[in-house]
Amino acid sequence: MNPDHITRLFTRPDGRYVFARWGRPLAPVVFGVDDATLATVKGAIEAVVALAGHSMAETDPELGANLMIFFFRDWDELLAVPDLDRLVEGLAALVPRLKAQDANQYRAFRFDAQGAIKAAFAFIRMDGPMAEVPAEDLALLQAVQVILLWGDEAFRDLPPLARAKGVAVLRPEIAAVIRAAYDPVMPAATQDPSHALRLAARVG
């Protein structure tokens, strides 16, 4: 993972470098799954948080739950969730757009005054290809995708997961970036492209 590779992981479509990590412990809640899948999802989140050297909490003092993951069959179901439009700005306009794109997942983030992540919302439509993905793979993928504010095309050329003896595992290169990103001496948020050089030095 050289500086160019890392820069691409956090580059927006308009060319800006935008990095953010969590500035508080993660307090997750998962909707739309059975107890077995719930344990799988929370276990994946715990594993990725531990890899980062970050922490989890039962509740967030400001928000209650600050990481909400929704599994559902149809995007219209989100419009029926009470008060969700107050948490995700523009939800009423977003749902038709996602339907038109035939999207199967979407993530939204909220940030604190310093620019660090303070809340994240992940929406996964369990229809078509997503319904065929094993729960363990899907859980690990979602955990990786919310641990940092990745660029829109971060994983276009290098998927974050690989398979080892038939089991989904986090790619060592991506794991190294996550660990480096949570180094206490690194900023919680920045738009300075030189940040990628500092990450690369730690990954190396």
Protein backbone atom coordinates (compact mmCIF):
# COMPACT_ATOMS: atom_id res chain seq x y z
CA MET A 1 0.00 0.00 0.00
CA ASN A 2 2.05 2.93 -1.27
CA PRO A 3 0.93 6.59 -0.83
CA ASP A 4 -0.89 6.58 -4.18
CA HIS A 5 -2.92 3.52 -3.20
CA ILE A 6 -3.83 5.05 0.15
CA THR A 7 -4.71 8.39 -1.41
CA ARG A 8 -7.24 6.66 -3.66
CA LEU A 9 -8.88 5.04 -0.63
CA PHE A 10 -9.91 8.46 0.71
CA THR A 11 -10.45 10.51 -2.45
CA ARG A 12 -13.87 11.93 -3.33
CA PRO A 13 -15.25 11.97 -6.89
CA ASP A 14 -14.36 15.68 -7.09
CA GLY A 15 -10.72 14.87 -6.35
CA ARG A 16 -10.65 16.04 -2.72
CA TYR A 17 -8.84 13.99 -0.08
CA VAL A 18 -11.26 13.48 2.84
CA PHE A 19 -10.38 11.30 5.82
CA ALA A 20 -12.33 10.68 9.03
CA ARG A 21 -12.31 8.02 11.72
CA TRP A 22 -14.57 7.55 14.73
CA GLY A 23 -14.04 10.06 17.51
CA ARG A 24 -16.07 8.15 20.09
CA PRO A 25 -16.80 4.52 21.00
CA LEU A 26 -19.17 2.68 18.66
CA ALA A 27 -22.57 1.80 20.07
CA PRO A 28 -24.23 -0.33 17.38
CA VAL A 29 -27.80 -1.48 16.88
CA VAL A 30 -28.92 -3.80 14.07
CA PHE A 31 -32.42 -4.01 12.58
CA GLY A 32 -34.09 -6.62 10.41
CA VAL A 33 -32.15 -9.77 11.31
CA ASP A 34 -32.66 -12.82 13.51
CA ASP A 35 -30.70 -13.39 16.71
CA ALA A 36 -28.05 -15.56 15.04
CA THR A 37 -27.32 -12.96 12.36
CA LEU A 38 -27.38 -10.19 14.96
CA ALA A 39 -24.61 -11.96 16.86
CA THR A 40 -22.64 -12.38 13.63
CA VAL A 41 -22.91 -8.69 12.73
CA LYS A 42 -22.01 -7.46 16.19
CA GLY A 43 -19.13 -9.93 16.34
CA ALA A 44 -17.74 -8.57 13.07
CA ILE A 45 -18.00 -5.00 14.33
CA GLU A 46 -16.23 -5.93 17.56
CA ALA A 47 -13.44 -7.64 15.61
CA VAL A 48 -12.82 -4.65 13.32
CA VAL A 49 -13.00 -2.18 16.21
CA ALA A 50 -10.47 -4.28 18.13
CA LEU A 51 -8.22 -4.37 15.06
CA ALA A 52 -8.34 -0.57 14.95
CA GLY A 53 -7.49 -0.33 18.64
CA HIS A 54 -10.70 1.64 19.15
CA SER A 55 -13.53 0.90 21.60
CA MET A 56 -17.21 0.04 21.82
CA ALA A 57 -19.93 1.03 24.26
CA GLU A 58 -23.40 -0.14 25.19
CA THR A 59 -24.82 3.31 24.53
CA ASP A 60 -23.71 6.70 23.26
CA PRO A 61 -24.45 9.47 25.80
CA GLU A 62 -25.65 11.83 23.05
CA LEU A 63 -27.35 9.54 20.55
CA GLY A 64 -28.08 6.28 22.37
CA ALA A 65 -26.99 4.18 19.40
CA ASN A 66 -24.50 5.83 17.04
CA LEU A 67 -24.14 3.01 14.50
CA MET A 68 -27.42 1.80 13.01
CA ILE A 69 -27.44 -1.03 10.46
CA PHE A 70 -30.67 -1.81 8.65
CA PHE A 71 -31.37 -4.99 6.66
CA PHE A 72 -34.53 -4.96 4.54
CA ARG A 73 -36.10 -6.19 1.28
CA ASP A 74 -37.29 -2.97 -0.31
CA TRP A 75 -36.08 0.64 -0.06
CA ASP A 76 -39.63 1.85 0.61
CA GLU A 77 -39.50 0.12 3.99
CA LEU A 78 -37.17 2.88 5.22
CA LEU A 79 -39.85 5.51 4.75
CA ALA A 80 -41.99 3.68 7.32
CA VAL A 81 -39.31 3.71 10.04
CA PRO A 82 -40.37 6.30 12.67
CA ASP A 83 -38.13 9.38 12.83
CA LEU A 84 -35.51 7.92 10.48
CA ASP A 85 -35.91 10.97 8.26
CA ARG A 86 -34.72 13.06 11.20
CA LEU A 87 -31.51 11.03 11.44
CA VAL A 88 -30.81 10.75 7.71
CA GLU A 89 -31.32 14.10 6.04
CA GLY A 90 -33.20 14.02 2.76
CA LEU A 91 -34.40 10.43 3.16
CA ALA A 92 -37.62 11.01 1.20
CA ALA A 93 -35.62 12.15 -1.84
CA LEU A 94 -32.86 9.59 -1.31
CA VAL A 95 -35.07 6.48 -1.43
CA PRO A 96 -36.43 7.05 -4.98
CA ARG A 97 -32.88 7.74 -6.20
CA LEU A 98 -31.57 4.50 -4.71
CA LYS A 99 -34.50 2.59 -6.20
CA ALA A 100 -33.81 4.07 -9.62
CA GLN A 101 -30.16 3.02 -9.34
CA ASP A 102 -31.18 -0.47 -8.18
CA ALA A 103 -28.76 0.08 -5.32
CA ASN A 104 -28.31 -2.68 -2.75
CA GLN A 105 -26.52 -0.67 -0.06
CA TYR A 106 -25.99 2.88 1.13
CA ARG A 107 -24.13 4.50 4.03
CA ALA A 108 -24.56 7.90 5.63
CA PHE A 109 -22.28 9.51 8.22
CA ARG A 110 -22.59 12.33 10.73
CA PHE A 111 -19.60 14.20 12.11
CA ASP A 112 -18.64 16.12 15.24
CA ALA A 113 -17.22 19.64 15.38
CA GLN A 114 -13.70 18.32 14.71
CA GLY A 115 -14.82 16.37 11.65
CA ALA A 116 -14.56 12.92 13.28
CA ILE A 117 -17.33 10.38 12.74
CA LYS A 118 -19.97 10.54 15.45
CA ALA A 119 -22.67 8.41 13.82
CA ALA A 120 -23.13 6.12 10.84
CA PHE A 121 -26.15 4.55 9.17
CA ALA A 122 -25.80 1.53 6.90
CA PHE A 123 -28.68 0.30 4.74
CA ILE A 124 -28.50 -3.11 3.06
CA ARG A 125 -31.22 -4.28 0.68
CA MET A 126 -31.33 -8.07 0.99
CA ASP A 127 -32.57 -8.81 -2.48
CA GLY A 128 -30.96 -10.27 -5.58
CA PRO A 129 -27.17 -10.73 -5.28
CA MET A 130 -27.00 -9.53 -1.65
CA ALA A 131 -29.36 -12.32 -0.54
CA GLU A 132 -26.79 -14.86 -1.74
CA VAL A 133 -23.91 -13.43 0.29
CA PRO A 134 -23.12 -15.45 3.47
CA ALA A 135 -24.00 -13.60 6.66
CA GLU A 136 -20.39 -13.74 7.89
CA ASP A 137 -19.10 -12.09 4.70
CA LEU A 138 -21.78 -9.43 4.72
CA ALA A 139 -21.22 -8.62 8.39
CA LEU A 140 -17.46 -8.23 8.00
CA LEU A 141 -17.88 -6.11 4.88
CA GLN A 142 -20.26 -3.72 6.63
CA ALA A 143 -17.99 -3.44 9.66
CA VAL A 144 -15.03 -2.50 7.45
CA GLN A 145 -17.04 0.03 5.46
CA VAL A 146 -18.18 1.98 8.53
CA ILE A 147 -14.91 1.99 10.52
CA LEU A 148 -13.51 4.79 8.32
CA LEU A 149 -14.89 7.31 5.84
CA TRP A 150 -13.67 5.60 2.68
CA GLY A 151 -13.79 7.21 -0.73
CA ASP A 152 -16.62 6.28 -3.08
CA GLU A 153 -14.38 4.06 -5.21
CA ALA A 154 -11.98 2.93 -2.48
CA PHE A 155 -12.53 -0.76 -3.16
CA ARG A 156 -13.15 -0.69 -6.90
CA ASP A 157 -9.80 -2.31 -7.71
CA LEU A 158 -9.05 -4.01 -4.40
CA PRO A 159 -12.02 -5.52 -2.52
CA PRO A 160 -11.55 -5.30 1.27
CA LEU A 161 -12.23 -9.00 1.77
CA ALA A 162 -10.46 -12.10 0.50
CA ARG A 163 -11.08 -15.80 1.08
CA ALA A 164 -8.80 -18.07 3.07
CA LYS A 165 -9.75 -21.75 3.15
CA GLY A 166 -13.28 -20.80 2.18
CA VAL A 167 -13.66 -18.17 4.92
CA ALA A 168 -13.97 -14.43 4.35
CA VAL A 169 -11.07 -12.52 5.87
CA LEU A 170 -10.00 -8.89 5.84
CA ARG A 171 -7.18 -8.26 3.38
CA PRO A 172 -3.92 -7.62 5.26
CA GLU A 173 -3.35 -4.39 3.31
CA ILE A 174 -6.71 -2.96 4.35
CA ALA A 175 -6.25 -4.15 7.94
CA ALA A 176 -2.91 -2.33 8.05
CA VAL A 177 -4.50 0.90 6.82
CA ILE A 178 -7.23 0.67 9.49
CA ARG A 179 -4.65 0.13 12.25
CA ALA A 180 -2.52 3.02 11.00
CA ALA A 181 -5.55 5.31 10.70
CA TYR A 182 -6.34 4.81 14.39
CA ASP A 183 -2.80 5.49 15.58
CA PRO A 184 -3.31 7.96 18.47
CA VAL A 185 -0.83 10.43 16.99
CA MET A 186 -2.81 10.63 13.73
CA PRO A 187 -5.66 13.13 13.29
CA ALA A 188 -9.26 12.00 13.64
CA ALA A 189 -10.17 13.94 10.51
CA THR A 190 -8.27 15.80 7.79
CA GLN A 191 -8.47 16.94 4.19
CA ASP A 192 -4.71 17.30 3.85
CA PRO A 193 -3.41 14.88 1.17
CA SER A 194 -0.09 14.56 3.03
CA HIS A 195 -2.04 12.44 5.54
CA ALA A 196 -1.75 9.59 3.02
CA LEU A 197 2.05 9.80 3.25
CA ARG A 198 1.88 9.48 7.02
CA LEU A 199 -0.45 6.49 6.74
CA ALA A 200 1.84 4.85 4.19
CA ALA A 201 4.81 5.24 6.53
CA ARG A 202 2.93 3.45 9.30
CA VAL A 203 1.60 0.75 7.01
CA GLY A 204 5.10 0.12 5.71
